[in-house]
PDB file of all heavy atoms in Angstrom:
ATOM      1  N   THR A   1       0.809  -1.218   0.000  1.00  0.00           N
ATOM      2  CA  THR A   1       0.000   0.000   0.000  1.00  0.00           C
ATOM      3  C   THR A   1       0.844   1.270   0.000  1.00  0.00           C
ATOM      4  O   THR A   1       0.288   2.358  -0.087  1.00  0.00           O
ATOM      5  CB  THR A   1      -0.948   0.032   1.212  1.00  0.00           C
ATOM      6  OG1 THR A   1      -0.179   0.012   2.413  1.00  0.00           O
ATOM      7  CG2 THR A   1      -1.919  -1.144   1.176  1.00  0.00           C
ATOM      8  N   TYR A   2       2.160   1.123   0.100  1.00  0.00           N
ATOM      9  CA  TYR A   2       3.033   2.289   0.092  1.00  0.00           C
ATOM     10  C   TYR A   2       3.479   2.602  -1.330  1.00  0.00           C
ATOM     11  O   TYR A   2       3.866   1.697  -2.083  1.00  0.00           O
ATOM     12  CB  TYR A   2       4.253   2.060   0.996  1.00  0.00           C
ATOM     13  CG  TYR A   2       3.889   2.075   2.457  1.00  0.00           C
ATOM     14  CD1 TYR A   2       3.438   0.918   3.092  1.00  0.00           C
ATOM     15  CD2 TYR A   2       3.971   3.247   3.200  1.00  0.00           C
ATOM     16  CE1 TYR A   2       3.075   0.931   4.431  1.00  0.00           C
ATOM     17  CE2 TYR A   2       3.608   3.270   4.540  1.00  0.00           C
ATOM     18  CZ  TYR A   2       3.172   2.112   5.143  1.00  0.00           C
ATOM     19  OH  TYR A   2       2.812   2.135   6.462  1.00  0.00           O
ATOM     20  N   GLU A   3       3.412   3.873  -1.724  1.00  0.00           N
ATOM     21  CA  GLU A   3       3.730   4.288  -3.085  1.00  0.00           C
ATOM     22  C   GLU A   3       5.114   3.854  -3.538  1.00  0.00           C
ATOM     23  O   GLU A   3       5.310   3.496  -4.694  1.00  0.00           O
ATOM     24  CB  GLU A   3       3.626   5.812  -3.209  1.00  0.00           C
ATOM     25  CG  GLU A   3       2.208   6.328  -3.228  1.00  0.00           C
ATOM     26  CD  GLU A   3       2.165   7.828  -3.459  1.00  0.00           C
ATOM     27  OE1 GLU A   3       2.996   8.352  -4.240  1.00  0.00           O
ATOM     28  OE2 GLU A   3       1.304   8.470  -2.850  1.00  0.00           O
ATOM     29  N   ASN A   4       6.091   3.901  -2.655  1.00  0.00           N
ATOM     30  CA  ASN A   4       7.475   3.615  -3.035  1.00  0.00           C
ATOM     31  C   ASN A   4       7.859   2.145  -2.897  1.00  0.00           C
ATOM     32  O   ASN A   4       9.034   1.821  -3.022  1.00  0.00           O
ATOM     33  CB  ASN A   4       8.428   4.470  -2.200  1.00  0.00           C
ATOM     34  CG  ASN A   4       8.262   5.945  -2.501  1.00  0.00           C
ATOM     35  OD1 ASN A   4       7.892   6.322  -3.601  1.00  0.00           O
ATOM     36  ND2 ASN A   4       8.509   6.786  -1.515  1.00  0.00           N
ATOM     37  N   ALA A   5       6.900   1.276  -2.704  1.00  0.00           N
ATOM     38  CA  ALA A   5       7.182  -0.165  -2.560  1.00  0.00           C
ATOM     39  C   ALA A   5       7.306  -0.800  -3.947  1.00  0.00           C
ATOM     40  O   ALA A   5       6.585  -1.732  -4.299  1.00  0.00           O
ATOM     41  CB  ALA A   5       6.100  -0.827  -1.732  1.00  0.00           C
ATOM     42  N   ASN A   6       8.247  -0.301  -4.733  1.00  0.00           N
ATOM     43  CA  ASN A   6       8.367  -0.688  -6.138  1.00  0.00           C
ATOM     44  C   ASN A   6       8.630  -2.178  -6.341  1.00  0.00           C
ATOM     45  O   ASN A   6       8.090  -2.777  -7.274  1.00  0.00           O
ATOM     46  CB  ASN A   6       9.455   0.140  -6.816  1.00  0.00           C
ATOM     47  CG  ASN A   6       9.105   1.614  -6.815  1.00  0.00           C
ATOM     48  OD1 ASN A   6       7.957   1.983  -6.996  1.00  0.00           O
ATOM     49  ND2 ASN A   6      10.094   2.460  -6.588  1.00  0.00           N
ATOM     50  N   LYS A   7       9.463  -2.774  -5.518  1.00  0.00           N
ATOM     51  CA  LYS A   7       9.759  -4.206  -5.673  1.00  0.00           C
ATOM     52  C   LYS A   7       8.509  -5.048  -5.397  1.00  0.00           C
ATOM     53  O   LYS A   7       8.239  -6.006  -6.119  1.00  0.00           O
ATOM     54  CB  LYS A   7      10.898  -4.625  -4.753  1.00  0.00           C
ATOM     55  CG  LYS A   7      12.240  -4.066  -5.163  1.00  0.00           C
ATOM     56  CD  LYS A   7      13.335  -4.516  -4.228  1.00  0.00           C
ATOM     57  CE  LYS A   7      14.663  -3.902  -4.634  1.00  0.00           C
ATOM     58  NZ  LYS A   7      15.740  -4.287  -3.715  1.00  0.00           N
ATOM     59  N   ILE A   8       7.760  -4.689  -4.379  1.00  0.00           N
ATOM     60  CA  ILE A   8       6.525  -5.419  -4.059  1.00  0.00           C
ATOM     61  C   ILE A   8       5.489  -5.202  -5.158  1.00  0.00           C
ATOM     62  O   ILE A   8       4.788  -6.141  -5.551  1.00  0.00           O
ATOM     63  CB  ILE A   8       5.959  -4.969  -2.691  1.00  0.00           C
ATOM     64  CG1 ILE A   8       6.907  -5.356  -1.573  1.00  0.00           C
ATOM     65  CG2 ILE A   8       4.563  -5.531  -2.447  1.00  0.00           C
ATOM     66  CD1 ILE A   8       7.101  -6.845  -1.384  1.00  0.00           C
ATOM     67  N   HIS A   9       5.394  -4.002  -5.672  1.00  0.00           N
ATOM     68  CA  HIS A   9       4.447  -3.724  -6.753  1.00  0.00           C
ATOM     69  C   HIS A   9       4.787  -4.562  -7.987  1.00  0.00           C
ATOM     70  O   HIS A   9       3.894  -5.141  -8.615  1.00  0.00           O
ATOM     71  CB  HIS A   9       4.449  -2.239  -7.113  1.00  0.00           C
ATOM     72  CG  HIS A   9       3.917  -1.369  -6.033  1.00  0.00           C
ATOM     73  ND1 HIS A   9       3.945   0.006  -6.122  1.00  0.00           N
ATOM     74  CD2 HIS A   9       3.349  -1.649  -4.842  1.00  0.00           C
ATOM     75  CE1 HIS A   9       3.418   0.532  -5.024  1.00  0.00           C
ATOM     76  NE2 HIS A   9       3.050  -0.468  -4.231  1.00  0.00           N
ATOM     77  N   ALA A  10       6.075  -4.616  -8.332  1.00  0.00           N
ATOM     78  CA  ALA A  10       6.501  -5.406  -9.498  1.00  0.00           C
ATOM     79  C   ALA A  10       6.193  -6.885  -9.282  1.00  0.00           C
ATOM     80  O   ALA A  10       5.728  -7.574 -10.201  1.00  0.00           O
ATOM     81  CB  ALA A  10       7.987  -5.195  -9.764  1.00  0.00           C
ATOM     82  N   LEU A  11       6.447  -7.364  -8.090  1.00  0.00           N
ATOM     83  CA  LEU A  11       6.158  -8.760  -7.771  1.00  0.00           C
ATOM     84  C   LEU A  11       4.659  -9.038  -7.841  1.00  0.00           C
ATOM     85  O   LEU A  11       4.229 -10.064  -8.385  1.00  0.00           O
ATOM     86  CB  LEU A  11       6.695  -9.097  -6.375  1.00  0.00           C
ATOM     87  CG  LEU A  11       6.636 -10.537  -5.933  1.00  0.00           C
ATOM     88  CD1 LEU A  11       7.454 -11.427  -6.856  1.00  0.00           C
ATOM     89  CD2 LEU A  11       7.124 -10.664  -4.510  1.00  0.00           C
ATOM     90  N   ALA A  12       3.851  -8.130  -7.337  1.00  0.00           N
ATOM     91  CA  ALA A  12       2.394  -8.301  -7.361  1.00  0.00           C
ATOM     92  C   ALA A  12       1.860  -8.352  -8.788  1.00  0.00           C
ATOM     93  O   ALA A  12       0.880  -9.044  -9.063  1.00  0.00           O
ATOM     94  CB  ALA A  12       1.725  -7.155  -6.595  1.00  0.00           C
ATOM     95  N   LYS A  13       2.506  -7.648  -9.695  1.00  0.00           N
ATOM     96  CA  LYS A  13       2.107  -7.683 -11.104  1.00  0.00           C
ATOM     97  C   LYS A  13       2.573  -8.970 -11.783  1.00  0.00           C
ATOM     98  O   LYS A  13       1.875  -9.521 -12.623  1.00  0.00           O
ATOM     99  CB  LYS A  13       2.712  -6.500 -11.856  1.00  0.00           C
ATOM    100  CG  LYS A  13       2.051  -5.196 -11.610  1.00  0.00           C
ATOM    101  CD  LYS A  13       2.729  -4.115 -12.434  1.00  0.00           C
ATOM    102  CE  LYS A  13       2.160  -2.751 -12.128  1.00  0.00           C
ATOM    103  NZ  LYS A  13       2.812  -1.689 -12.901  1.00  0.00           N
ATOM    104  N   ALA A  14       3.775  -9.427 -11.414  1.00  0.00           N
ATOM    105  CA  ALA A  14       4.404 -10.538 -12.121  1.00  0.00           C
ATOM    106  C   ALA A  14       3.888 -11.911 -11.700  1.00  0.00           C
ATOM    107  O   ALA A  14       3.805 -12.822 -12.523  1.00  0.00           O
ATOM    108  CB  ALA A  14       5.919 -10.479 -11.921  1.00  0.00           C
ATOM    109  N   LEU A  15       3.547 -12.071 -10.426  1.00  0.00           N
ATOM    110  CA  LEU A  15       3.101 -13.382  -9.946  1.00  0.00           C
ATOM    111  C   LEU A  15       1.753 -13.758 -10.548  1.00  0.00           C
ATOM    112  O   LEU A  15       0.876 -12.902 -10.685  1.00  0.00           O
ATOM    113  CB  LEU A  15       2.960 -13.372  -8.424  1.00  0.00           C
ATOM    114  CG  LEU A  15       4.232 -13.425  -7.611  1.00  0.00           C
ATOM    115  CD1 LEU A  15       3.917 -13.228  -6.131  1.00  0.00           C
ATOM    116  CD2 LEU A  15       4.944 -14.751  -7.820  1.00  0.00           C
ATOM    117  N   PRO A  16       1.572 -15.025 -10.866  1.00  0.00           N
ATOM    118  CA  PRO A  16       0.235 -15.446 -11.289  1.00  0.00           C
ATOM    119  C   PRO A  16      -0.730 -15.313 -10.113  1.00  0.00           C
ATOM    120  O   PRO A  16      -0.360 -15.586  -8.970  1.00  0.00           O
ATOM    121  CB  PRO A  16       0.410 -16.903 -11.703  1.00  0.00           C
ATOM    122  CG  PRO A  16       1.768 -17.303 -11.293  1.00  0.00           C
ATOM    123  CD  PRO A  16       2.534 -16.103 -10.876  1.00  0.00           C
ATOM    124  N   LEU A  17      -1.928 -14.874 -10.389  1.00  0.00           N
ATOM    125  CA  LEU A  17      -2.898 -14.639  -9.317  1.00  0.00           C
ATOM    126  C   LEU A  17      -3.181 -15.906  -8.522  1.00  0.00           C
ATOM    127  O   LEU A  17      -3.435 -15.834  -7.319  1.00  0.00           O
ATOM    128  CB  LEU A  17      -4.191 -14.050  -9.876  1.00  0.00           C
ATOM    129  CG  LEU A  17      -5.213 -13.582  -8.847  1.00  0.00           C
ATOM    130  CD1 LEU A  17      -4.615 -12.555  -7.891  1.00  0.00           C
ATOM    131  CD2 LEU A  17      -6.442 -13.022  -9.539  1.00  0.00           C
ATOM    132  N   ASN A  18      -3.078 -17.061  -9.153  1.00  0.00           N
ATOM    133  CA  ASN A  18      -3.369 -18.306  -8.427  1.00  0.00           C
ATOM    134  C   ASN A  18      -2.278 -18.671  -7.423  1.00  0.00           C
ATOM    135  O   ASN A  18      -2.397 -19.667  -6.717  1.00  0.00           O
ATOM    136  CB  ASN A  18      -3.657 -19.460  -9.384  1.00  0.00           C
ATOM    137  CG  ASN A  18      -2.450 -19.872 -10.194  1.00  0.00           C
ATOM    138  OD1 ASN A  18      -1.375 -19.286 -10.098  1.00  0.00           O
ATOM    139  ND2 ASN A  18      -2.649 -20.882 -11.016  1.00  0.00           N
ATOM    140  N   SER A  19      -1.241 -17.857  -7.311  1.00  0.00           N
ATOM    141  CA  SER A  19      -0.205 -18.101  -6.307  1.00  0.00           C
ATOM    142  C   SER A  19      -0.173 -17.022  -5.223  1.00  0.00           C
ATOM    143  O   SER A  19       0.769 -16.940  -4.448  1.00  0.00           O
ATOM    144  CB  SER A  19       1.166 -18.207  -6.978  1.00  0.00           C
ATOM    145  OG  SER A  19       1.538 -16.979  -7.544  1.00  0.00           O
ATOM    146  N   ILE A  20      -1.221 -16.205  -5.158  1.00  0.00           N
ATOM    147  CA  ILE A  20      -1.273 -15.098  -4.197  1.00  0.00           C
ATOM    148  C   ILE A  20      -2.396 -15.317  -3.184  1.00  0.00           C
ATOM    149  O   ILE A  20      -3.503 -15.696  -3.551  1.00  0.00           O
ATOM    150  CB  ILE A  20      -1.503 -13.755  -4.920  1.00  0.00           C
ATOM    151  CG1 ILE A  20      -0.334 -13.441  -5.857  1.00  0.00           C
ATOM    152  CG2 ILE A  20      -1.711 -12.618  -3.916  1.00  0.00           C
ATOM    153  CD1 ILE A  20      -0.541 -12.200  -6.712  1.00  0.00           C
ATOM    154  N   VAL A  21      -2.089 -15.092  -1.920  1.00  0.00           N
ATOM    155  CA  VAL A  21      -3.109 -14.993  -0.873  1.00  0.00           C
ATOM    156  C   VAL A  21      -2.959 -13.605  -0.255  1.00  0.00           C
ATOM    157  O   VAL A  21      -1.882 -13.022  -0.270  1.00  0.00           O
ATOM    158  CB  VAL A  21      -3.002 -16.096   0.213  1.00  0.00           C
ATOM    159  CG1 VAL A  21      -3.242 -17.463  -0.379  1.00  0.00           C
ATOM    160  CG2 VAL A  21      -1.675 -16.052   0.917  1.00  0.00           C
ATOM    161  N   LEU A  22      -4.028 -13.083   0.277  1.00  0.00           N
ATOM    162  CA  LEU A  22      -3.990 -11.756   0.891  1.00  0.00           C
ATOM    163  C   LEU A  22      -3.703 -11.875   2.372  1.00  0.00           C
ATOM    164  O   LEU A  22      -4.216 -12.765   3.045  1.00  0.00           O
ATOM    165  CB  LEU A  22      -5.328 -11.035   0.685  1.00  0.00           C
ATOM    166  CG  LEU A  22      -5.750 -10.781  -0.752  1.00  0.00           C
ATOM    167  CD1 LEU A  22      -7.067 -10.009  -0.778  1.00  0.00           C
ATOM    168  CD2 LEU A  22      -4.682 -10.027  -1.525  1.00  0.00           C
ATOM    169  N   GLU A  23      -2.863 -10.973   2.880  1.00  0.00           N
ATOM    170  CA  GLU A  23      -2.576 -10.905   4.303  1.00  0.00           C
ATOM    171  C   GLU A  23      -2.154  -9.489   4.628  1.00  0.00           C
ATOM    172  O   GLU A  23      -1.904  -8.703   3.734  1.00  0.00           O
ATOM    173  CB  GLU A  23      -1.521 -11.944   4.698  1.00  0.00           C
ATOM    174  CG  GLU A  23      -0.232 -11.863   3.925  1.00  0.00           C
ATOM    175  CD  GLU A  23       0.807 -10.986   4.571  1.00  0.00           C
ATOM    176  OE1 GLU A  23       0.660 -10.681   5.774  1.00  0.00           O
ATOM    177  OE2 GLU A  23       1.744 -10.598   3.899  1.00  0.00           O
ATOM    178  N   THR A  24      -2.074  -9.186   5.917  1.00  0.00           N
ATOM    179  CA  THR A  24      -1.813  -7.804   6.327  1.00  0.00           C
ATOM    180  C   THR A  24      -0.500  -7.584   7.064  1.00  0.00           C
ATOM    181  O   THR A  24      -0.220  -6.461   7.449  1.00  0.00           O
ATOM    182  CB  THR A  24      -2.930  -7.293   7.255  1.00  0.00           C
ATOM    183  OG1 THR A  24      -2.936  -8.096   8.434  1.00  0.00           O
ATOM    184  CG2 THR A  24      -4.274  -7.299   6.582  1.00  0.00           C
ATOM    185  N   ASP A  25       0.302  -8.612   7.277  1.00  0.00           N
ATOM    186  CA  ASP A  25       1.514  -8.488   8.108  1.00  0.00           C
ATOM    187  C   ASP A  25       1.184  -8.026   9.523  1.00  0.00           C
ATOM    188  O   ASP A  25       2.000  -7.434  10.199  1.00  0.00           O
ATOM    189  CB  ASP A  25       2.549  -7.537   7.499  1.00  0.00           C
ATOM    190  CG  ASP A  25       3.343  -8.168   6.382  1.00  0.00           C
ATOM    191  OD1 ASP A  25       3.457  -9.402   6.372  1.00  0.00           O
ATOM    192  OD2 ASP A  25       3.856  -7.439   5.527  1.00  0.00           O
ATOM    193  N   ALA A  26      -0.051  -8.256   9.958  1.00  0.00           N
ATOM    194  CA  ALA A  26      -0.465  -7.834  11.298  1.00  0.00           C
ATOM    195  C   ALA A  26       0.307  -8.629  12.342  1.00  0.00           C
ATOM    196  O   ALA A  26       0.507  -9.809  12.164  1.00  0.00           O
ATOM    197  CB  ALA A  26      -1.968  -8.035  11.486  1.00  0.00           C
ATOM    198  N   PRO A  27       0.742  -8.012  13.383  1.00  0.00           N
ATOM    199  CA  PRO A  27       0.537  -6.612  13.780  1.00  0.00           C
ATOM    200  C   PRO A  27       1.677  -5.687  13.381  1.00  0.00           C
ATOM    201  O   PRO A  27       1.682  -4.533  13.785  1.00  0.00           O
ATOM    202  CB  PRO A  27       0.462  -6.719  15.298  1.00  0.00           C
ATOM    203  CG  PRO A  27       1.444  -7.787  15.627  1.00  0.00           C
ATOM    204  CD  PRO A  27       1.335  -8.789  14.475  1.00  0.00           C
ATOM    205  N   ASP A  28       2.638  -6.148  12.587  1.00  0.00           N
ATOM    206  CA  ASP A  28       3.847  -5.366  12.358  1.00  0.00           C
ATOM    207  C   ASP A  28       3.732  -4.236  11.339  1.00  0.00           C
ATOM    208  O   ASP A  28       3.761  -3.073  11.698  1.00  0.00           O
ATOM    209  CB  ASP A  28       5.002  -6.291  11.966  1.00  0.00           C
ATOM    210  CG  ASP A  28       5.340  -7.268  13.071  1.00  0.00           C
ATOM    211  OD1 ASP A  28       5.287  -6.875  14.244  1.00  0.00           O
ATOM    212  OD2 ASP A  28       5.635  -8.427  12.761  1.00  0.00           O
ATOM    213  N   MET A  29       3.634  -4.549  10.065  1.00  0.00           N
ATOM    214  CA  MET A  29       3.676  -3.516   9.035  1.00  0.00           C
ATOM    215  C   MET A  29       2.260  -3.090   8.647  1.00  0.00           C
ATOM    216  O   MET A  29       1.556  -3.790   7.941  1.00  0.00           O
ATOM    217  CB  MET A  29       4.433  -4.008   7.810  1.00  0.00           C
ATOM    218  CG  MET A  29       4.581  -2.949   6.750  1.00  0.00           C
ATOM    219  SD  MET A  29       5.502  -3.536   5.339  1.00  0.00           S
ATOM    220  CE  MET A  29       7.134  -3.084   5.847  1.00  0.00           C
ATOM    221  N   VAL A  30       1.876  -1.947   9.113  1.00  0.00           N
ATOM    222  CA  VAL A  30       0.528  -1.436   8.894  1.00  0.00           C
ATOM    223  C   VAL A  30       0.387  -0.894   7.464  1.00  0.00           C
ATOM    224  O   VAL A  30       1.372  -0.499   6.842  1.00  0.00           O
ATOM    225  CB  VAL A  30       0.198  -0.339   9.936  1.00  0.00           C
ATOM    226  CG1 VAL A  30       0.951   0.934   9.670  1.00  0.00           C
ATOM    227  CG2 VAL A  30      -1.287  -0.092  10.007  1.00  0.00           C
ATOM    228  N   VAL A  31      -0.836  -0.894   6.963  1.00  0.00           N
ATOM    229  CA  VAL A  31      -1.102  -0.321   5.641  1.00  0.00           C
ATOM    230  C   VAL A  31      -0.858   1.189   5.693  1.00  0.00           C
ATOM    231  O   VAL A  31      -0.943   1.809   6.748  1.00  0.00           O
ATOM    232  CB  VAL A  31      -2.533  -0.645   5.162  1.00  0.00           C
ATOM    233  CG1 VAL A  31      -2.713  -2.133   4.942  1.00  0.00           C
ATOM    234  CG2 VAL A  31      -3.578  -0.122   6.107  1.00  0.00           C
ATOM    235  N   ALA A  32      -0.561   1.766   4.539  1.00  0.00           N
ATOM    236  CA  ALA A  32      -0.168   3.178   4.468  1.00  0.00           C
ATOM    237  C   ALA A  32      -1.198   4.118   5.092  1.00  0.00           C
ATOM    238  O   ALA A  32      -0.841   5.086   5.758  1.00  0.00           O
ATOM    239  CB  ALA A  32       0.096   3.572   3.021  1.00  0.00           C
ATOM    240  N   SER A  33      -2.467   3.832   4.894  1.00  0.00           N
ATOM    241  CA  SER A  33      -3.512   4.734   5.395  1.00  0.00           C
ATOM    242  C   SER A  33      -3.650   4.728   6.916  1.00  0.00           C
ATOM    243  O   SER A  33      -4.338   5.574   7.476  1.00  0.00           O
ATOM    244  CB  SER A  33      -4.852   4.389   4.760  1.00  0.00           C
ATOM    245  OG  SER A  33      -5.226   3.070   5.075  1.00  0.00           O
ATOM    246  N   HIS A  34      -2.987   3.801   7.591  1.00  0.00           N
ATOM    247  CA  HIS A  34      -3.052   3.724   9.058  1.00  0.00           C
ATOM    248  C   HIS A  34      -1.651   3.783   9.681  1.00  0.00           C
ATOM    249  O   HIS A  34      -1.434   3.264  10.779  1.00  0.00           O
ATOM    250  CB  HIS A  34      -3.779   2.451   9.494  1.00  0.00           C
ATOM    251  CG  HIS A  34      -5.234   2.463   9.139  1.00  0.00           C
ATOM    252  ND1 HIS A  34      -6.182   3.060   9.929  1.00  0.00           N
ATOM    253  CD2 HIS A  34      -5.894   1.990   8.056  1.00  0.00           C
ATOM    254  CE1 HIS A  34      -7.367   2.939   9.360  1.00  0.00           C
ATOM    255  NE2 HIS A  34      -7.218   2.297   8.218  1.00  0.00           N
ATOM    256  N   LYS A  35      -0.734   4.410   8.972  1.00  0.00           N
ATOM    257  CA  LYS A  35       0.648   4.523   9.446  1.00  0.00           C
ATOM    258  C   LYS A  35       0.672   5.091  10.858  1.00  0.00           C
ATOM    259  O   LYS A  35      -0.042   6.039  11.176  1.00  0.00           O
ATOM    260  CB  LYS A  35       1.445   5.410   8.499  1.00  0.00           C
ATOM    261  CG  LYS A  35       2.921   5.367   8.757  1.00  0.00           C
ATOM    262  CD  LYS A  35       3.671   6.111   7.686  1.00  0.00           C
ATOM    263  CE  LYS A  35       5.161   5.999   7.961  1.00  0.00           C
ATOM    264  NZ  LYS A  35       5.945   6.620   6.910  1.00  0.00           N
ATOM    265  N   GLY A  36       1.493   4.479  11.708  1.00  0.00           N
ATOM    266  CA  GLY A  36       1.612   4.923  13.089  1.00  0.00           C
ATOM    267  C   GLY A  36       0.657   4.224  14.032  1.00  0.00           C
ATOM    268  O   GLY A  36       0.722   4.423  15.238  1.00  0.00           O
ATOM    269  N   GLN A  37      -0.248   3.403  13.481  1.00  0.00           N
ATOM    270  CA  GLN A  37      -1.204   2.657  14.295  1.00  0.00           C
ATOM    271  C   GLN A  37      -0.819   1.176  14.290  1.00  0.00           C
ATOM    272  O   GLN A  37       0.010   0.736  13.503  1.00  0.00           O
ATOM    273  CB  GLN A  37      -2.611   2.819  13.730  1.00  0.00           C
ATOM    274  CG  GLN A  37      -3.106   4.244  13.691  1.00  0.00           C
ATOM    275  CD  GLN A  37      -4.457   4.350  12.988  1.00  0.00           C
ATOM    276  OE1 GLN A  37      -5.186   3.381  12.842  1.00  0.00           O
ATOM    277  NE2 GLN A  37      -4.777   5.549  12.532  1.00  0.00           N
ATOM    278  N   ARG A  38      -1.459   0.423  15.135  1.00  0.00           N
ATOM    279  CA  ARG A  38      -1.263  -1.020  15.155  1.00  0.00           C
ATOM    280  C   ARG A  38      -2.010  -1.610  13.956  1.00  0.00           C
ATOM    281  O   ARG A  38      -3.126  -1.219  13.639  1.00  0.00           O
ATOM    282  CB  ARG A  38      -1.812  -1.604  16.460  1.00  0.00           C
ATOM    283  CG  ARG A  38      -1.615  -3.094  16.580  1.00  0.00           C
ATOM    284  CD  ARG A  38      -2.124  -3.572  17.939  1.00  0.00           C
ATOM    285  NE  ARG A  38      -2.167  -5.004  18.008  1.00  0.00           N
ATOM    286  CZ  ARG A  38      -1.163  -5.776  18.410  1.00  0.00           C
ATOM    287  NH1 ARG A  38      -0.037  -5.218  18.803  1.00  0.00           N
ATOM    288  NH2 ARG A  38      -1.280  -7.081  18.432  1.00  0.00           N
ATOM    289  N   ASN A  39      -1.385  -2.561  13.298  1.00  0.00           N
ATOM    290  CA  ASN A  39      -2.010  -3.201  12.150  1.00  0.00           C
ATOM    291  C   ASN A  39      -3.087  -4.169  12.589  1.00  0.00           C
ATOM    292  O   ASN A  39      -3.104  -4.625  13.735  1.00  0.00           O
ATOM    293  CB  ASN A  39      -0.964  -3.927  11.318  1.00  0.00           C
ATOM    294  CG  ASN A  39      -1.418  -4.163   9.903  1.00  0.00           C
ATOM    295  OD1 ASN A  39      -2.491  -3.761   9.509  1.00  0.00           O
ATOM    296  ND2 ASN A  39      -0.580  -4.813   9.129  1.00  0.00           N
ATOM    297  N   SER A  40      -3.993  -4.484  11.700  1.00  0.00           N
ATOM    298  CA  SER A  40      -5.107  -5.360  12.018  1.00  0.00           C
ATOM    299  C   SER A  40      -5.577  -6.070  10.758  1.00  0.00           C
ATOM    300  O   SER A  40      -5.555  -5.473   9.668  1.00  0.00           O
ATOM    301  CB  SER A  40      -6.256  -4.533  12.598  1.00  0.00           C
ATOM    302  OG  SER A  40      -7.429  -5.312  12.698  1.00  0.00           O
ATOM    303  N   PRO A  41      -6.050  -7.304  10.872  1.00  0.00           N
ATOM    304  CA  PRO A  41      -6.638  -7.988   9.720  1.00  0.00           C
ATOM    305  C   PRO A  41      -7.849  -7.254   9.140  1.00  0.00           C
ATOM    306  O   PRO A  41      -8.213  -7.481   7.991  1.00  0.00           O
ATOM    307  CB  PRO A  41      -7.043  -9.353  10.283  1.00  0.00           C
ATOM    308  CG  PRO A  41      -6.126  -9.571  11.432  1.00  0.00           C
ATOM    309  CD  PRO A  41      -5.930  -8.197  12.030  1.00  0.00           C
ATOM    310  N   GLU A  42      -8.441  -6.354   9.899  1.00  0.00           N
ATOM    311  CA  GLU A  42      -9.588  -5.605   9.372  1.00  0.00           C
ATOM    312  C   GLU A  42      -9.191  -4.704   8.209  1.00  0.00           C
ATOM    313  O   GLU A  42     -10.051  -4.198   7.480  1.00  0.00           O
ATOM    314  CB  GLU A  42     -10.272  -4.783  10.467  1.00  0.00           C
ATOM    315  CG  GLU A  42      -9.486  -3.581  10.930  1.00  0.00           C
ATOM    316  CD  GLU A  42     -10.152  -2.850  12.088  1.00  0.00           C
ATOM    317  OE1 GLU A  42     -10.972  -1.954  11.824  1.00  0.00           O
ATOM    318  OE2 GLU A  42      -9.839  -3.196  13.234  1.00  0.00           O
ATOM    319  N   TYR A  43      -7.895  -4.509   7.989  1.00  0.00           N
ATOM    320  CA  TYR A  43      -7.419  -3.693   6.885  1.00  0.00           C
ATOM    321  C   TYR A  43      -7.233  -4.507   5.601  1.00  0.00           C
ATOM    322  O   TYR A  43      -6.764  -3.986   4.595  1.00  0.00           O
ATOM    323  CB  TYR A  43      -6.103  -2.989   7.240  1.00  0.00           C
ATOM    324  CG  TYR A  43      -6.194  -2.115   8.467  1.00  0.00           C
ATOM    325  CD1 TYR A  43      -5.137  -2.004   9.347  1.00  0.00           C
ATOM    326  CD2 TYR A  43      -7.351  -1.403   8.752  1.00  0.00           C
ATOM    327  CE1 TYR A  43      -5.209  -1.202  10.470  1.00  0.00           C
ATOM    328  CE2 TYR A  43      -7.438  -0.596   9.882  1.00  0.00           C
ATOM    329  CZ  TYR A  43      -6.366  -0.503  10.739  1.00  0.00           C
ATOM    330  OH  TYR A  43      -6.443   0.287  11.853  1.00  0.00           O
TER     331      TYR A  43
END
């Protein structure tokens, strides 16, 4: 979710969708819109 996460963005484009699951890195790396807060699966 971070604009400058170029390597992750490239990987997200390149991987076949059938090899991707969604996760939030909770509680460590929060999504950009909640920076400074505790991460949660609700994101």
